[in-house]
Protein backbone atom coordinates (compact mmCIF):
# COMPACT_ATOMS: atom_id res chain seq x y z
CA UNK A 1 14.30 -5.27 -14.68
CA UNK A 2 11.06 -3.56 -12.60
CA UNK A 3 10.62 -4.52 -9.02
CA UNK A 4 8.33 -3.81 -6.31
CA UNK A 5 8.79 -5.49 -3.18
CA UNK A 6 6.52 -4.94 -0.52
CA UNK A 7 8.08 -6.31 3.19
CA UNK A 8 6.94 -5.84 7.14
CA UNK A 9 3.82 -7.73 7.14
CA UNK A 10 3.32 -10.19 9.92
CA UNK A 11 0.53 -11.42 12.80
CA UNK A 12 -0.07 -8.89 15.20
CA UNK A 13 -3.09 -8.54 17.96
CA UNK A 14 -6.28 -6.33 17.36
CA UNK A 15 -4.71 -2.34 18.50
CA UNK A 16 -1.15 -3.16 17.29
CA UNK A 17 0.89 -1.55 14.59
CA UNK A 18 2.94 -2.58 11.98
CA UNK A 19 4.51 -0.56 9.22
CA UNK A 20 4.70 -1.75 5.64
CA UNK A 21 7.54 -1.09 2.91
CA UNK A 22 7.79 -1.31 -0.85
CA UNK A 23 11.10 -1.36 -2.04
CA UNK A 24 11.27 -0.34 -5.57
CA UNK A 25 13.88 -0.61 -8.79
CA UNK A 26 14.02 -0.42 -12.44
CA UNK A 27 12.58 2.27 -12.86
CA UNK A 28 12.17 6.47 -12.00
CA UNK A 29 10.28 5.95 -8.73
CA UNK A 30 9.72 9.41 -8.46
CA UNK A 31 7.83 9.53 -11.45
CA UNK A 32 5.08 7.60 -10.09
CA UNK A 33 1.94 7.75 -8.15
CA UNK A 34 2.41 5.17 -5.71
CA UNK A 35 -0.86 3.27 -4.49
CA UNK A 36 -1.28 0.52 -1.56
CA UNK A 37 -4.22 -1.84 -2.08
CA UNK A 38 -5.10 -5.07 -0.08
CA UNK A 39 -7.14 -8.20 -0.80
CA UNK A 40 -9.32 -9.89 2.22
CA UNK A 41 -9.52 -13.24 1.79
CA UNK A 42 -12.31 -14.30 -0.81
CA UNK A 43 -13.11 -10.93 -1.72
CA UNK A 44 -11.92 -8.37 -4.70
CA UNK A 45 -9.09 -5.74 -4.70
CA UNK A 46 -9.74 -2.79 -2.05
CA UNK A 47 -7.99 0.71 -2.49
CA UNK A 48 -5.87 1.46 0.65
CA UNK A 49 -3.89 4.42 0.08
CA UNK A 50 -2.39 6.50 -3.06
CA UNK A 51 0.12 9.52 -2.95
CA UNK A 52 1.66 11.63 -5.66
CA UNK A 53 4.91 11.96 -6.90
CA UNK A 54 6.67 14.19 -4.43
CA UNK A 55 5.04 13.11 -1.63
CA UNK A 56 3.05 16.42 -0.78
CA UNK A 57 -0.51 15.23 -1.51
CA UNK A 58 -2.11 11.76 -0.01
CA UNK A 59 -5.57 10.04 0.11
CA UNK A 60 -6.74 7.77 1.91
CA UNK A 61 -9.91 5.06 2.19
CA UNK A 62 -12.39 5.69 4.25
CA UNK A 63 -11.99 1.76 6.08
CA UNK A 64 -8.14 3.39 7.16
CA UNK A 65 -8.91 6.96 7.51
CA UNK A 66 -6.83 8.29 10.77
CA UNK A 67 -5.03 4.94 11.14
CA UNK A 68 -3.32 4.36 8.09
CA UNK A 69 -0.47 6.89 6.87
CA UNK A 70 1.11 6.67 3.39
CA UNK A 71 4.72 8.35 2.88
CA UNK A 72 7.36 7.70 0.87
CA UNK A 73 11.23 8.50 0.45
CA UNK A 74 12.03 9.20 -3.24
CA UNK A 75 15.93 8.83 -2.38
CA UNK A 76 15.54 5.40 -1.17
CA UNK A 77 13.04 4.49 -3.31
CA UNK A 78 10.58 3.33 -1.01
CA UNK A 79 6.95 3.92 -0.12
CA UNK A 80 5.43 2.94 3.21
CA UNK A 81 2.37 2.06 4.98
CA UNK A 82 1.90 3.19 8.72
CA UNK A 83 -0.60 0.92 10.08
CA UNK A 84 -2.03 1.79 13.36
CA UNK A 85 -5.08 0.58 15.87
CA UNK A 86 -5.60 -2.69 13.46
CA UNK A 87 -8.63 -3.94 13.20
CA UNK A 88 -9.72 -7.91 12.10
CA UNK A 89 -10.66 -6.71 9.06
CA UNK A 90 -7.89 -5.09 8.21
CA UNK A 91 -6.42 -8.76 7.95
CA UNK A 92 -5.34 -9.04 4.02
CA UNK A 93 -2.75 -9.18 1.73
CA UNK A 94 -1.20 -5.47 0.96
CA UNK A 95 0.07 -4.88 -2.93
CA UNK A 96 1.75 -1.97 -3.76
CA UNK A 97 1.36 -0.37 -6.66
CA UNK A 98 3.00 2.04 -9.42
CA UNK A 99 1.50 4.17 -11.98
CA UNK A 100 2.28 7.58 -14.14
CA UNK A 101 -1.35 8.82 -13.48
CA UNK A 102 -3.74 9.06 -10.67
CA UNK A 103 -6.37 7.15 -9.49
CA UNK A 104 -9.10 6.97 -7.41
CA UNK A 105 -9.63 4.49 -4.67
CA UNK A 106 -12.70 3.15 -5.48
CA UNK A 107 -12.42 0.99 -8.42
CA UNK A 108 -9.40 -0.83 -8.45
CA UNK A 109 -7.97 -3.41 -11.61
CA UNK A 110 -4.62 -4.46 -11.37
CA UNK A 111 -4.47 -3.86 -15.09
CA UNK A 112 -4.92 0.14 -14.48
CA UNK A 113 -1.57 -0.05 -13.12
CA UNK A 114 1.80 0.48 -14.51
CA UNK A 115 3.94 -2.17 -12.17
CA UNK A 116 2.62 -4.15 -8.97
CA UNK A 117 4.53 -6.73 -5.88
CA UNK A 118 4.27 -9.71 -4.86
CA UNK A 119 2.61 -8.61 -1.58
CA UNK A 120 2.91 -9.21 2.10
CA UNK A 121 0.23 -10.82 4.15
CA UNK A 122 -1.05 -8.77 7.51
CA UNK A 123 -3.02 -10.87 10.16
CA UNK A 124 -4.59 -8.98 12.96
CA UNK A 125 -6.14 -11.73 15.49
CA UNK A 126 -5.52 -12.26 19.20
């Protein structure tokens, strides 16, 4: 049974930090590109960051570049997103997703990805 389980979300003040995790099981994690995607209330899906299968190449959306860092540990089948200098506009449900191919972050549709998590809520507010 394939699972992607996100954790680490919560309520944080502006300027604060959070580290999201995504635990993968039921598939060969190291064969898949991994993605973080978010959805703010009333808005569509937004690609946040992606990482290649071995973790040697990453890309982040302009909205989070320099603040968010994606990483992965293939030995632990886990994906991470370190989020620093959080802003109110980062408030969203954050999802991890897996795909056998590389996709850009500019156009996101759930059906593009092979697996999708249930999400973890991040709220940035004072």
